[in-house]
Amino acid sequence: MSGSFEVRYSDSARDDLLRLFDFLLERARTAEDLDAAQAAIDAIQDAVGLNLSRSPFVYRKAADSPFLRELMISFGATGYVALYEIEDASHVMILAVRHQLEDDYH
């Protein structure tokens, strides 16, 4: 599933994934909840890798810059938002990831 853009994660975006995973694990009550926590992280990483490696310019702009954008990632009744920057003709950097119901990026 590779495209023409290499997708990389900033340290803060990796921290966001860990924070989101920990949040889901803390609320897990059943084995299915644990599986859902891992499935959420997998869905984020799969959506980022598949979509942004192929066509990062099609997603909504996050600021005045055409290179700073957001990818909406559906998961269950809600989902996640990945803030990313198109760095050059071959690289995309994931800057932050948050749940759709969070106020802003951390």
N, C-alpha and C. Protein backbone atom coordinates (compact mmCIF):
# COMPACT_ATOMS: atom_id res chain seq x y z
N MET A 1 0.81 -1.18 0.00
CA MET A 1 0.00 0.00 0.00
C MET A 1 0.86 1.26 0.00
N SER A 2 1.81 1.33 -0.83
CA SER A 2 2.64 2.53 -0.83
C SER A 2 2.21 3.46 -1.96
N GLY A 3 2.41 4.73 -1.72
CA GLY A 3 2.10 5.75 -2.70
C GLY A 3 3.34 6.53 -3.01
N SER A 4 3.14 7.74 -3.47
CA SER A 4 4.29 8.55 -3.85
C SER A 4 4.82 9.40 -2.69
N PHE A 5 4.11 9.43 -1.55
CA PHE A 5 4.55 10.19 -0.38
C PHE A 5 4.93 9.25 0.75
N GLU A 6 6.05 9.55 1.39
CA GLU A 6 6.44 8.83 2.60
C GLU A 6 5.79 9.55 3.78
N VAL A 7 5.08 8.80 4.60
CA VAL A 7 4.39 9.36 5.76
C VAL A 7 5.21 9.07 7.00
N ARG A 8 5.50 10.16 7.75
CA ARG A 8 6.27 10.03 9.00
C ARG A 8 5.46 10.64 10.13
N TYR A 9 5.76 10.22 11.36
CA TYR A 9 5.10 10.74 12.55
C TYR A 9 6.09 11.57 13.35
N SER A 10 5.66 12.75 13.79
CA SER A 10 6.47 13.54 14.71
C SER A 10 6.43 12.86 16.08
N ASP A 11 7.35 13.23 16.94
CA ASP A 11 7.36 12.68 18.29
C ASP A 11 6.05 12.99 19.02
N SER A 12 5.54 14.20 18.83
CA SER A 12 4.30 14.56 19.52
C SER A 12 3.10 13.77 18.98
N ALA A 13 3.10 13.44 17.70
CA ALA A 13 2.02 12.62 17.14
C ALA A 13 2.10 11.19 17.69
N ARG A 14 3.30 10.68 17.84
CA ARG A 14 3.47 9.35 18.46
C ARG A 14 2.97 9.37 19.90
N ASP A 15 3.28 10.45 20.61
CA ASP A 15 2.78 10.61 21.98
C ASP A 15 1.25 10.66 22.00
N ASP A 16 0.66 11.31 21.01
CA ASP A 16 -0.80 11.37 20.91
C ASP A 16 -1.40 9.97 20.75
N LEU A 17 -0.79 9.15 19.91
CA LEU A 17 -1.29 7.78 19.73
C LEU A 17 -1.23 7.00 21.04
N LEU A 18 -0.14 7.16 21.77
CA LEU A 18 -0.02 6.48 23.07
C LEU A 18 -1.06 7.01 24.05
N ARG A 19 -1.28 8.31 24.07
CA ARG A 19 -2.27 8.92 24.96
C ARG A 19 -3.67 8.40 24.64
N LEU A 20 -4.01 8.35 23.36
CA LEU A 20 -5.33 7.86 22.96
C LEU A 20 -5.50 6.38 23.31
N PHE A 21 -4.47 5.60 23.10
CA PHE A 21 -4.52 4.17 23.43
C PHE A 21 -4.67 3.99 24.94
N ASP A 22 -3.89 4.72 25.73
CA ASP A 22 -3.99 4.63 27.19
C ASP A 22 -5.39 5.02 27.67
N PHE A 23 -5.96 6.06 27.07
CA PHE A 23 -7.31 6.49 27.42
C PHE A 23 -8.30 5.35 27.21
N LEU A 24 -8.21 4.67 26.09
CA LEU A 24 -9.12 3.57 25.79
C LEU A 24 -8.88 2.38 26.71
N LEU A 25 -7.61 2.11 27.01
CA LEU A 25 -7.30 0.99 27.92
C LEU A 25 -7.83 1.24 29.32
N GLU A 26 -7.73 2.47 29.79
CA GLU A 26 -8.22 2.81 31.14
C GLU A 26 -9.71 2.58 31.28
N ARG A 27 -10.44 2.71 30.20
CA ARG A 27 -11.88 2.55 30.24
C ARG A 27 -12.35 1.16 29.84
N ALA A 28 -11.43 0.30 29.49
CA ALA A 28 -11.77 -1.05 29.04
C ALA A 28 -12.34 -1.87 30.21
N ARG A 29 -13.43 -2.54 29.95
CA ARG A 29 -14.08 -3.39 30.96
C ARG A 29 -14.09 -4.86 30.53
N THR A 30 -13.92 -5.09 29.23
CA THR A 30 -13.99 -6.46 28.71
C THR A 30 -12.84 -6.69 27.73
N ALA A 31 -12.67 -7.93 27.36
CA ALA A 31 -11.65 -8.27 26.36
C ALA A 31 -11.98 -7.59 25.03
N GLU A 32 -13.27 -7.44 24.73
CA GLU A 32 -13.68 -6.77 23.50
C GLU A 32 -13.26 -5.30 23.52
N ASP A 33 -13.34 -4.68 24.70
CA ASP A 33 -12.90 -3.29 24.84
C ASP A 33 -11.40 -3.16 24.57
N LEU A 34 -10.63 -4.14 25.03
CA LEU A 34 -9.18 -4.14 24.78
C LEU A 34 -8.91 -4.28 23.29
N ASP A 35 -9.66 -5.17 22.64
CA ASP A 35 -9.51 -5.35 21.19
C ASP A 35 -9.90 -4.06 20.45
N ALA A 36 -10.94 -3.39 20.93
CA ALA A 36 -11.40 -2.15 20.29
C ALA A 36 -10.34 -1.05 20.43
N ALA A 37 -9.63 -1.02 21.55
CA ALA A 37 -8.57 -0.03 21.74
C ALA A 37 -7.48 -0.22 20.70
N GLN A 38 -7.07 -1.46 20.50
CA GLN A 38 -6.05 -1.73 19.49
C GLN A 38 -6.60 -1.46 18.08
N ALA A 39 -7.86 -1.80 17.86
CA ALA A 39 -8.47 -1.57 16.54
C ALA A 39 -8.53 -0.07 16.22
N ALA A 40 -8.75 0.77 17.23
CA ALA A 40 -8.79 2.21 17.01
C ALA A 40 -7.43 2.72 16.54
N ILE A 41 -6.39 2.31 17.22
CA ILE A 41 -5.04 2.74 16.84
C ILE A 41 -4.68 2.20 15.45
N ASP A 42 -5.04 0.95 15.19
CA ASP A 42 -4.79 0.37 13.87
C ASP A 42 -5.53 1.14 12.78
N ALA A 43 -6.78 1.54 13.06
CA ALA A 43 -7.57 2.29 12.08
C ALA A 43 -6.93 3.63 11.77
N ILE A 44 -6.41 4.29 12.80
CA ILE A 44 -5.73 5.57 12.59
C ILE A 44 -4.51 5.38 11.71
N GLN A 45 -3.67 4.42 12.07
CA GLN A 45 -2.43 4.21 11.32
C GLN A 45 -2.71 3.73 9.90
N ASP A 46 -3.71 2.89 9.73
CA ASP A 46 -4.06 2.42 8.38
C ASP A 46 -4.58 3.56 7.51
N ALA A 47 -5.47 4.38 8.07
CA ALA A 47 -6.03 5.50 7.30
C ALA A 47 -4.95 6.50 6.92
N VAL A 48 -4.09 6.81 7.87
CA VAL A 48 -2.99 7.75 7.60
C VAL A 48 -2.09 7.19 6.51
N GLY A 49 -1.66 5.95 6.67
CA GLY A 49 -0.73 5.36 5.70
C GLY A 49 -1.32 5.23 4.31
N LEU A 50 -2.54 4.76 4.23
CA LEU A 50 -3.18 4.55 2.92
C LEU A 50 -3.52 5.86 2.23
N ASN A 51 -4.21 6.74 2.93
CA ASN A 51 -4.71 7.96 2.30
C ASN A 51 -3.64 9.00 2.04
N LEU A 52 -2.78 9.24 3.01
CA LEU A 52 -1.81 10.32 2.85
C LEU A 52 -0.62 9.94 1.99
N SER A 53 -0.34 8.67 1.87
CA SER A 53 0.76 8.28 0.98
C SER A 53 0.37 8.43 -0.49
N ARG A 54 -0.91 8.46 -0.75
CA ARG A 54 -1.39 8.55 -2.14
C ARG A 54 -1.84 9.94 -2.54
N SER A 55 -2.59 10.61 -1.67
CA SER A 55 -3.18 11.88 -2.10
C SER A 55 -3.38 12.84 -0.92
N PRO A 56 -2.31 13.36 -0.37
CA PRO A 56 -2.44 14.23 0.80
C PRO A 56 -3.09 15.58 0.52
N PHE A 57 -3.14 16.01 -0.71
CA PHE A 57 -3.70 17.33 -1.02
C PHE A 57 -5.22 17.36 -1.07
N VAL A 58 -5.90 16.21 -1.03
CA VAL A 58 -7.35 16.21 -1.18
C VAL A 58 -8.10 16.46 0.12
N TYR A 59 -7.42 16.45 1.26
CA TYR A 59 -8.09 16.62 2.54
C TYR A 59 -8.11 18.08 2.96
N ARG A 60 -8.96 18.40 3.91
CA ARG A 60 -9.25 19.80 4.22
C ARG A 60 -8.05 20.55 4.79
N LYS A 61 -7.97 21.81 4.40
CA LYS A 61 -6.92 22.68 4.90
C LYS A 61 -7.19 23.00 6.36
N ALA A 62 -6.12 23.09 7.16
CA ALA A 62 -6.25 23.38 8.58
C ALA A 62 -5.86 24.82 8.90
N ALA A 63 -5.34 25.52 7.92
CA ALA A 63 -4.91 26.90 8.12
C ALA A 63 -4.84 27.57 6.75
N ASP A 64 -4.26 28.75 6.71
CA ASP A 64 -4.12 29.45 5.44
C ASP A 64 -3.14 28.75 4.50
N SER A 65 -2.21 28.03 5.07
CA SER A 65 -1.22 27.32 4.26
C SER A 65 -1.87 26.12 3.56
N PRO A 66 -1.62 25.95 2.27
CA PRO A 66 -2.16 24.78 1.58
C PRO A 66 -1.47 23.48 1.98
N PHE A 67 -0.41 23.59 2.77
CA PHE A 67 0.36 22.42 3.15
C PHE A 67 0.02 21.86 4.52
N LEU A 68 -0.76 22.58 5.31
CA LEU A 68 -1.19 22.14 6.63
C LEU A 68 -2.64 21.69 6.52
N ARG A 69 -2.89 20.40 6.78
CA ARG A 69 -4.20 19.83 6.51
C ARG A 69 -4.62 18.84 7.59
N GLU A 70 -5.89 18.43 7.53
CA GLU A 70 -6.44 17.48 8.48
C GLU A 70 -7.10 16.32 7.75
N LEU A 71 -6.87 15.14 8.28
CA LEU A 71 -7.51 13.92 7.79
C LEU A 71 -8.50 13.46 8.84
N MET A 72 -9.76 13.32 8.44
CA MET A 72 -10.79 12.79 9.33
C MET A 72 -10.78 11.27 9.20
N ILE A 73 -10.79 10.59 10.34
CA ILE A 73 -10.71 9.14 10.37
C ILE A 73 -11.92 8.60 11.11
N SER A 74 -12.84 7.97 10.41
CA SER A 74 -14.03 7.41 11.03
C SER A 74 -13.68 6.18 11.84
N PHE A 75 -14.32 6.08 13.03
CA PHE A 75 -14.17 4.88 13.85
C PHE A 75 -15.37 4.79 14.76
N GLY A 76 -16.23 3.83 14.49
CA GLY A 76 -17.45 3.69 15.29
C GLY A 76 -18.36 4.88 15.07
N ALA A 77 -18.96 5.36 16.15
CA ALA A 77 -19.89 6.48 16.07
C ALA A 77 -19.17 7.82 15.96
N THR A 78 -17.88 7.86 16.25
CA THR A 78 -17.12 9.10 16.17
C THR A 78 -15.89 8.86 15.31
N GLY A 79 -14.74 9.27 15.79
CA GLY A 79 -13.52 9.05 15.03
C GLY A 79 -12.39 9.92 15.52
N TYR A 80 -11.41 10.12 14.67
CA TYR A 80 -10.18 10.82 15.02
C TYR A 80 -9.84 11.83 13.92
N VAL A 81 -8.95 12.75 14.27
CA VAL A 81 -8.49 13.76 13.32
C VAL A 81 -6.96 13.79 13.39
N ALA A 82 -6.32 13.69 12.24
CA ALA A 82 -4.86 13.76 12.15
C ALA A 82 -4.47 15.07 11.48
N LEU A 83 -3.69 15.86 12.18
CA LEU A 83 -3.14 17.10 11.63
C LEU A 83 -1.81 16.74 10.97
N TYR A 84 -1.62 17.17 9.73
CA TYR A 84 -0.38 16.83 9.03
C TYR A 84 0.08 17.98 8.16
N GLU A 85 1.35 17.90 7.80
CA GLU A 85 1.95 18.90 6.93
C GLU A 85 2.59 18.19 5.74
N ILE A 86 2.32 18.70 4.56
CA ILE A 86 2.99 18.21 3.37
C ILE A 86 4.30 18.97 3.30
N GLU A 87 5.39 18.26 3.56
CA GLU A 87 6.70 18.90 3.70
C GLU A 87 7.34 19.23 2.35
N ASP A 88 7.20 18.33 1.42
CA ASP A 88 7.77 18.53 0.09
C ASP A 88 7.09 17.54 -0.86
N ALA A 89 7.64 17.35 -2.01
CA ALA A 89 7.01 16.51 -3.04
C ALA A 89 7.00 15.02 -2.71
N SER A 90 7.63 14.63 -1.60
CA SER A 90 7.65 13.21 -1.30
C SER A 90 7.47 12.88 0.19
N HIS A 91 7.23 13.88 1.04
CA HIS A 91 7.12 13.61 2.47
C HIS A 91 5.91 14.30 3.11
N VAL A 92 5.23 13.54 3.97
CA VAL A 92 4.13 14.06 4.77
C VAL A 92 4.48 13.78 6.23
N MET A 93 4.33 14.79 7.08
CA MET A 93 4.62 14.63 8.51
C MET A 93 3.31 14.74 9.30
N ILE A 94 3.00 13.69 10.07
CA ILE A 94 1.87 13.73 10.97
C ILE A 94 2.31 14.53 12.19
N LEU A 95 1.61 15.61 12.47
CA LEU A 95 2.00 16.51 13.56
C LEU A 95 1.26 16.21 14.86
N ALA A 96 0.00 15.79 14.76
CA ALA A 96 -0.81 15.54 15.94
C ALA A 96 -2.01 14.67 15.57
N VAL A 97 -2.52 13.98 16.58
CA VAL A 97 -3.73 13.17 16.39
C VAL A 97 -4.61 13.39 17.62
N ARG A 98 -5.90 13.56 17.38
CA ARG A 98 -6.83 13.75 18.49
C ARG A 98 -8.14 13.04 18.19
N HIS A 99 -8.91 12.82 19.23
CA HIS A 99 -10.26 12.29 19.07
C HIS A 99 -11.13 13.44 18.57
N GLN A 100 -12.13 13.14 17.76
CA GLN A 100 -13.00 14.19 17.21
C GLN A 100 -13.70 15.00 18.28
N LEU A 101 -13.94 14.43 19.44
CA LEU A 101 -14.65 15.14 20.50
C LEU A 101 -13.72 15.98 21.38
N GLU A 102 -12.43 15.87 21.20
CA GLU A 102 -11.49 16.72 21.94
C GLU A 102 -11.57 18.13 21.38
N ASP A 103 -11.32 19.10 22.24
CA ASP A 103 -11.39 20.51 21.82
C ASP A 103 -10.33 20.89 20.81
N ASP A 104 -9.12 20.43 21.05
CA ASP A 104 -8.02 20.83 20.19
C ASP A 104 -6.90 19.80 20.29
N TYR A 105 -5.87 20.00 19.50
CA TYR A 105 -4.73 19.11 19.55
C TYR A 105 -3.94 19.36 20.83
N HIS A 106 -3.26 18.34 21.32
CA HIS A 106 -2.46 18.45 22.56
C HIS A 106 -1.02 18.70 22.24
